Amino acid sequence: MIGYYIHHHGKGHLTRASAITARIGSPVTALTSANLDGDSPFADHVRLPLDSTSSQRNPTVNGAFHWAPFHDHGLSSRMMHIAEWITMARPRAIVVDVSVEVAVFVRLMGIPVVVVAMPGQRTDPAHQLVYRIADHIIAAWPREIYEPDWLHEFAAKTSYVGGISRFDGREKIANTSHSPKPGVLVLSGAGGSRISLDDVQTCAAQHDSFRWTALGVKDTKWVDDPWRELCSSDVVITHAGQNSIADVAAAQRPAIVISEDRPFEEQRATAQALSAHNLSVSLPHWPVADRWPSLIAEASAIGGYGWSSWRTTGAADRAAAVIEMIAERLGNST
């Protein structure tokens, strides 16, 4: 048995965990506060209570952690659930995506831990602690494109598997639109965004020489599987979340990447790496409407074939192989 802790904010952590778990030969139990889909690849699910139910006193433990406040009953309860499951299931290893506190807790219980790294400035004591105690680290991007300085110290136990997309291996869908207008897809996620429907509608009204479509933007419909829309777009405008970038790369679409404000400058680091390697047009914020024709032209000129260097093909398989290797090498025999 392998455990997989999944952070509940947004849908990205669960999407990535599902893609990897589908390639793991051993049964995997999800430990998370997130809601799992009916067709989940997990063998079992431990539903964890939220950990922000009461106290907010000294949440960083004097700078050593990110969230472990005094007397938080939710935190105590979720750790108790994790401890009870470990005692009962005796997992060979646990993957943590992501929580410093859970990773340290699991390791203190004597369980090998695989930590999923995140981009950005992860030089704070809490992140350095979790990468130090990790038995292995998975970075879901290509080393050739982005190798942060703070991971150098842990290079011997880090696997850069490439961008993990749920669409890896799926056949591309032909664009059947007969419109002479290029299609522009504005793609947002469940983790929150500064982009509004008004922003998109303003662009559509001012630049009607393009066909504008918005998915995931607040007040628009949510599409669980946007593969068809991705494939049929001439240019994709997206944030710099890891799943969205991997999905755009899998579809090999020209892209304009607008980084959202996230802790530790996570999306800014990804967007800057993409721009530096001429994979996308990257912006720190939504531009004024007048700029869109030139930005779309620039993204179209870059094209989408360079996305092969993001290494989405086989990325989930490589991550699964790393996890099974750690479970086999360090896990118990029962």
Protein backbone atom coordinates (compact mmCIF):
# COMPACT_ATOMS: atom_id res chain seq x y z
CA MET A 1 0.00 0.00 0.00
CA ILE A 2 1.12 3.54 -0.84
CA GLY A 3 -0.40 6.67 0.67
CA TYR A 4 -0.88 9.93 -1.22
CA TYR A 5 -1.56 13.17 0.67
CA ILE A 6 -3.27 15.71 -1.61
CA HIS A 7 -3.64 19.40 -0.79
CA HIS A 8 -7.28 20.42 -1.13
CA HIS A 9 -6.95 23.97 -2.50
CA GLY A 10 -8.13 24.20 -6.12
CA LYS A 11 -8.17 21.11 -8.35
CA GLY A 12 -4.57 20.98 -9.54
CA HIS A 13 -3.04 18.83 -6.81
CA LEU A 14 -5.80 16.24 -7.12
CA THR A 15 -5.61 16.22 -10.92
CA ARG A 16 -1.87 15.62 -10.82
CA ALA A 17 -2.16 12.95 -8.11
CA SER A 18 -4.84 11.14 -10.13
CA ALA A 19 -2.70 11.15 -13.27
CA ILE A 20 0.26 9.67 -11.39
CA THR A 21 -1.78 7.17 -9.36
CA ALA A 22 -3.33 5.75 -12.53
CA ARG A 23 0.20 4.63 -13.50
CA ILE A 24 1.16 3.08 -10.13
CA GLY A 25 0.84 -0.69 -9.98
CA SER A 26 0.31 -0.86 -6.21
CA PRO A 27 -2.94 0.19 -4.52
CA VAL A 28 -2.90 3.83 -3.46
CA THR A 29 -4.94 5.46 -0.69
CA ALA A 30 -5.72 9.18 -0.99
CA LEU A 31 -5.46 11.23 2.20
CA THR A 32 -7.13 14.57 1.56
CA SER A 33 -9.86 17.05 2.43
CA ALA A 34 -10.73 17.35 -1.27
CA ASN A 35 -13.73 15.66 -2.84
CA LEU A 36 -12.77 12.72 -5.05
CA ASP A 37 -14.48 12.01 -8.35
CA GLY A 38 -16.47 8.84 -8.80
CA ASP A 39 -13.97 7.44 -11.31
CA SER A 40 -10.99 8.12 -9.05
CA PRO A 41 -7.97 5.81 -9.53
CA PHE A 42 -7.44 5.53 -5.77
CA ALA A 43 -8.07 2.22 -4.03
CA ASP A 44 -9.28 3.97 -0.88
CA HIS A 45 -9.88 7.45 0.51
CA VAL A 46 -9.22 8.82 4.00
CA ARG A 47 -11.26 12.01 4.28
CA LEU A 48 -9.30 14.50 6.38
CA PRO A 49 -10.89 17.37 8.32
CA LEU A 50 -9.74 20.88 7.51
CA ASP A 51 -6.97 22.25 9.69
CA SER A 52 -8.04 25.88 10.11
CA THR A 53 -11.00 25.55 12.43
CA SER A 54 -9.97 27.50 15.53
CA SER A 55 -6.61 28.96 16.48
CA GLN A 56 -4.25 31.14 14.50
CA ARG A 57 -1.69 31.71 17.26
CA ASN A 58 1.94 31.16 16.27
CA PRO A 59 1.03 29.26 13.07
CA THR A 60 4.63 29.13 11.78
CA VAL A 61 6.10 27.73 15.02
CA ASN A 62 8.56 30.61 15.22
CA GLY A 63 9.32 30.39 11.51
CA ALA A 64 10.02 26.63 11.33
CA PHE A 65 6.73 25.60 9.63
CA HIS A 66 3.95 27.10 7.52
CA TRP A 67 0.81 26.14 9.45
CA ALA A 68 0.79 24.55 12.91
CA PRO A 69 -1.00 26.98 15.25
CA PHE A 70 -1.65 26.34 18.92
CA HIS A 71 -4.75 24.33 19.83
CA ASP A 72 -6.20 24.03 16.32
CA HIS A 73 -8.67 21.17 16.67
CA GLY A 74 -8.83 20.63 12.91
CA LEU A 75 -5.06 20.22 12.73
CA SER A 76 -5.04 17.78 15.64
CA SER A 77 -7.87 15.78 14.13
CA ARG A 78 -6.36 15.49 10.65
CA MET A 79 -3.00 14.39 12.06
CA MET A 80 -4.83 11.82 14.20
CA HIS A 81 -6.60 10.47 11.09
CA ILE A 82 -3.26 10.20 9.27
CA ALA A 83 -1.61 8.46 12.24
CA GLU A 84 -4.47 5.99 12.60
CA TRP A 85 -4.35 5.12 8.90
CA ILE A 86 -0.56 4.64 8.99
CA THR A 87 -0.87 2.37 12.04
CA MET A 88 -3.56 0.29 10.37
CA ALA A 89 -2.37 0.21 6.74
CA ARG A 90 1.41 0.21 7.31
CA PRO A 91 2.11 1.89 3.96
CA ARG A 92 5.43 1.30 2.25
CA ALA A 93 5.70 5.01 1.39
CA ILE A 94 3.62 8.20 1.33
CA VAL A 95 3.65 10.89 -1.36
CA VAL A 96 3.00 14.43 -0.11
CA ASP A 97 1.62 17.05 -2.53
CA VAL A 98 1.93 19.39 -0.66
CA SER A 99 2.37 20.08 3.06
CA VAL A 100 5.52 20.60 5.07
CA GLU A 101 3.74 19.60 8.25
CA VAL A 102 2.27 16.37 6.88
CA ALA A 103 5.59 15.33 5.30
CA VAL A 104 7.48 15.85 8.56
CA PHE A 105 4.76 14.09 10.57
CA VAL A 106 4.76 11.09 8.23
CA ARG A 107 8.54 10.84 8.36
CA LEU A 108 8.52 11.05 12.17
CA MET A 109 6.24 8.01 12.12
CA GLY A 110 8.98 6.17 10.28
CA ILE A 111 7.38 6.14 6.82
CA PRO A 112 9.45 6.90 3.69
CA VAL A 113 8.19 10.11 2.14
CA VAL A 114 8.24 11.39 -1.45
CA VAL A 115 7.72 15.15 -1.65
CA VAL A 116 6.35 16.90 -4.73
CA ALA A 117 8.29 20.14 -5.22
CA MET A 118 6.74 23.43 -6.27
CA PRO A 119 8.37 26.19 -8.33
CA GLY A 120 9.14 29.63 -6.95
CA GLN A 121 11.34 30.93 -4.16
CA ARG A 122 11.37 27.98 -1.74
CA THR A 123 14.32 29.12 0.36
CA ASP A 124 12.40 29.63 3.63
CA PRO A 125 13.25 27.35 6.60
CA ALA A 126 10.05 25.30 6.29
CA HIS A 127 10.61 24.36 2.66
CA GLN A 128 14.29 23.69 3.23
CA LEU A 129 13.33 21.38 6.09
CA VAL A 130 10.85 19.37 4.04
CA TYR A 131 13.23 18.95 1.11
CA ARG A 132 15.97 17.89 3.51
CA ILE A 133 13.90 15.21 5.25
CA ALA A 134 12.35 13.91 2.00
CA ASP A 135 13.56 10.51 0.85
CA HIS A 136 12.94 11.65 -2.72
CA ILE A 137 11.70 14.79 -4.48
CA ILE A 138 9.61 14.93 -7.65
CA ALA A 139 9.81 18.13 -9.71
CA ALA A 140 7.00 18.18 -12.27
CA TRP A 141 8.85 20.17 -14.90
CA PRO A 142 11.94 19.61 -17.10
CA ARG A 143 15.32 20.30 -15.55
CA GLU A 144 16.57 21.77 -18.82
CA ILE A 145 13.97 24.54 -18.64
CA TYR A 146 13.88 25.32 -14.93
CA GLU A 147 16.42 24.27 -12.29
CA PRO A 148 16.05 26.49 -9.20
CA ASP A 149 19.13 27.14 -7.11
CA TRP A 150 17.46 25.94 -3.92
CA LEU A 151 17.10 22.41 -5.33
CA HIS A 152 20.79 22.06 -6.17
CA GLU A 153 21.60 20.84 -2.66
CA PHE A 154 19.11 17.99 -3.10
CA ALA A 155 19.97 17.11 -6.71
CA ALA A 156 20.97 13.53 -5.89
CA LYS A 157 17.45 12.71 -4.70
CA THR A 158 15.44 14.86 -7.12
CA SER A 159 13.73 13.55 -10.26
CA TYR A 160 12.71 16.16 -12.84
CA VAL A 161 9.96 14.14 -14.53
CA GLY A 162 8.55 16.82 -16.85
CA GLY A 163 5.13 18.47 -16.91
CA ILE A 164 2.40 16.09 -15.76
CA SER A 165 -0.75 16.38 -17.86
CA ARG A 166 -3.93 14.35 -17.57
CA PHE A 167 -4.05 14.49 -21.37
CA ASP A 168 -0.73 12.74 -21.95
CA GLY A 169 -1.23 10.09 -24.62
CA ARG A 170 -4.61 11.37 -25.75
CA GLU A 171 -5.05 11.78 -29.48
CA LYS A 172 -5.29 15.37 -30.60
CA ILE A 173 -8.70 16.48 -31.86
CA ALA A 174 -8.79 18.13 -35.25
CA ASN A 175 -9.99 21.72 -35.40
CA THR A 176 -13.25 21.52 -37.33
CA SER A 177 -14.09 25.21 -37.13
CA HIS A 178 -14.53 26.82 -40.53
CA SER A 179 -14.45 30.34 -39.15
CA PRO A 180 -11.88 32.68 -40.72
CA LYS A 181 -11.37 34.22 -37.28
CA PRO A 182 -8.55 32.76 -35.13
CA GLY A 183 -9.82 31.15 -31.93
CA VAL A 184 -8.51 32.50 -28.62
CA LEU A 185 -9.19 30.41 -25.50
CA VAL A 186 -8.91 32.09 -22.09
CA LEU A 187 -8.29 29.25 -19.64
CA SER A 188 -8.49 29.68 -15.88
CA GLY A 189 -8.46 27.24 -12.97
CA ALA A 190 -10.19 26.51 -9.68
CA GLY A 191 -7.46 28.05 -7.54
CA GLY A 192 -8.64 31.63 -8.04
CA SER A 193 -7.80 34.23 -10.65
CA ARG A 194 -7.58 37.97 -11.18
CA ILE A 195 -9.08 37.53 -14.67
CA SER A 196 -12.78 38.34 -14.84
CA LEU A 197 -15.46 37.72 -17.41
CA ASP A 198 -15.57 41.49 -17.94
CA ASP A 199 -11.90 41.40 -18.99
CA VAL A 200 -12.63 38.78 -21.63
CA GLN A 201 -15.80 40.46 -22.85
CA THR A 202 -13.99 43.79 -23.20
CA CYS A 203 -11.34 42.14 -25.36
CA ALA A 204 -13.97 40.34 -27.44
CA ALA A 205 -15.85 43.58 -28.08
CA GLN A 206 -12.74 45.54 -29.00
CA HIS A 207 -11.06 42.81 -31.05
CA ASP A 208 -13.86 41.01 -32.85
CA SER A 209 -11.48 39.73 -35.51
CA PHE A 210 -10.84 36.85 -33.06
CA ARG A 211 -13.21 34.23 -31.64
CA TRP A 212 -12.97 34.52 -27.85
CA THR A 213 -13.87 31.64 -25.53
CA ALA A 214 -13.48 31.58 -21.73
CA LEU A 215 -13.35 28.43 -19.58
CA GLY A 216 -12.90 28.37 -15.83
CA VAL A 217 -13.11 32.15 -15.56
CA LYS A 218 -15.49 33.27 -12.81
CA ASP A 219 -19.12 33.43 -13.99
CA THR A 220 -18.42 31.12 -16.95
CA LYS A 221 -19.15 27.42 -17.20
CA TRP A 222 -16.76 24.90 -15.74
CA VAL A 223 -15.63 22.18 -18.14
CA ASP A 224 -14.08 19.12 -16.49
CA ASP A 225 -12.41 18.05 -19.73
CA PRO A 226 -11.31 21.01 -21.91
CA TRP A 227 -9.25 18.90 -24.32
CA ARG A 228 -11.43 19.64 -27.33
CA GLU A 229 -11.35 23.38 -26.63
CA LEU A 230 -7.58 23.31 -26.17
CA CYS A 231 -6.98 21.47 -29.43
CA SER A 232 -9.29 23.72 -31.43
CA SER A 233 -7.76 26.99 -30.21
CA ASP A 234 -5.26 28.96 -32.24
CA VAL A 235 -3.88 30.68 -29.12
CA VAL A 236 -4.43 29.87 -25.44
CA ILE A 237 -4.30 32.52 -22.71
CA THR A 238 -3.64 30.80 -19.40
CA HIS A 239 -2.23 31.29 -15.93
CA ALA A 240 1.08 29.66 -15.00
CA GLY A 241 -0.23 26.85 -12.82
CA GLN A 242 1.62 23.60 -13.36
CA ASN A 243 -1.36 21.59 -14.59
CA SER A 244 -2.54 24.25 -17.02
CA ILE A 245 0.93 24.65 -18.49
CA ALA A 246 1.30 20.89 -18.85
CA ASP A 247 -2.11 20.63 -20.55
CA VAL A 248 -1.28 23.41 -23.01
CA ALA A 249 2.06 21.70 -23.68
CA ALA A 250 0.32 18.37 -24.31
CA ALA A 251 -1.96 20.07 -26.85
CA GLN A 252 1.05 21.97 -28.30
CA ARG A 253 -0.86 25.23 -28.57
CA PRO A 254 0.70 28.71 -28.87
CA ALA A 255 0.26 30.38 -25.51
CA ILE A 256 0.18 33.66 -23.64
CA VAL A 257 0.94 32.92 -19.99
CA ILE A 258 -0.19 35.43 -17.37
CA SER A 259 1.17 34.64 -13.92
CA GLU A 260 -1.23 34.88 -10.97
CA ASP A 261 -0.20 36.04 -7.52
CA ARG A 262 0.70 32.92 -5.56
CA PRO A 263 2.82 32.31 -2.45
CA PHE A 264 6.59 32.16 -3.02
CA GLU A 265 6.17 33.65 -6.52
CA GLU A 266 5.34 30.18 -7.83
CA GLN A 267 3.66 31.18 -11.07
CA ARG A 268 6.03 34.05 -11.81
CA ALA A 269 8.99 31.66 -11.73
CA THR A 270 7.29 29.28 -14.16
CA ALA A 271 6.23 32.07 -16.53
CA GLN A 272 9.73 33.54 -16.57
CA ALA A 273 11.27 30.15 -17.37
CA LEU A 274 8.84 29.64 -20.26
CA SER A 275 9.62 33.05 -21.70
CA ALA A 276 13.37 32.59 -21.30
CA HIS A 277 13.19 29.42 -23.42
CA ASN A 278 10.83 30.94 -26.01
CA LEU A 279 7.97 28.58 -25.21
CA SER A 280 5.36 31.26 -24.61
CA VAL A 281 4.64 34.94 -24.33
CA SER A 282 4.72 35.58 -20.57
CA LEU A 283 3.18 38.51 -18.73
CA PRO A 284 3.00 39.52 -15.04
CA HIS A 285 -0.60 40.75 -15.32
CA TRP A 286 -3.55 41.11 -17.70
CA PRO A 287 -2.53 43.74 -20.29
CA VAL A 288 -4.48 46.70 -21.58
CA ALA A 289 -6.89 45.72 -24.31
CA ASP A 290 -4.98 47.53 -27.09
CA ARG A 291 -2.04 45.12 -26.77
CA TRP A 292 -3.92 41.93 -27.58
CA PRO A 293 -3.48 41.81 -31.39
CA SER A 294 0.32 42.13 -31.13
CA LEU A 295 0.51 39.64 -28.23
CA ILE A 296 -1.57 37.08 -30.12
CA ALA A 297 0.61 37.59 -33.20
CA GLU A 298 3.74 37.09 -31.09
CA ALA A 299 2.40 33.88 -29.54
CA SER A 300 1.37 32.60 -32.97
CA ALA A 301 4.88 33.25 -34.28
CA ILE A 302 6.38 31.23 -31.42
CA GLY A 303 3.98 28.40 -32.23
CA GLY A 304 3.32 25.30 -30.18
CA TYR A 305 5.82 22.67 -31.30
CA GLY A 306 8.46 23.86 -28.84
CA TRP A 307 6.29 22.52 -26.04
CA SER A 308 7.82 19.08 -26.58
CA SER A 309 10.71 20.31 -24.42
CA TRP A 310 8.30 20.52 -21.45
CA ARG A 311 8.42 16.70 -21.57
CA THR A 312 4.78 15.90 -20.88
CA THR A 313 5.01 12.61 -22.78
CA GLY A 314 5.56 9.92 -20.14
CA ALA A 315 5.88 12.39 -17.24
CA ALA A 316 3.23 10.72 -15.07
CA ASP A 317 4.80 7.32 -15.80
CA ARG A 318 8.20 8.63 -14.70
CA ALA A 319 6.73 10.02 -11.48
CA ALA A 320 4.95 6.73 -10.78
CA ALA A 321 8.18 4.80 -11.35
CA VAL A 322 10.01 6.99 -8.83
CA ILE A 323 7.30 6.44 -6.22
CA GLU A 324 7.29 2.68 -6.74
CA MET A 325 11.09 2.62 -6.59
CA ILE A 326 11.11 4.36 -3.20
CA ALA A 327 8.32 2.12 -1.91
CA GLU A 328 10.23 -0.98 -3.05
CA ARG A 329 13.62 0.15 -1.77
CA LEU A 330 12.58 1.66 1.57
CA GLY A 331 9.16 0.12 2.28
CA ASN A 332 8.53 -2.83 4.53
CA SER A 333 7.95 -6.32 3.20
CA THR A 334 4.36 -6.74 4.39
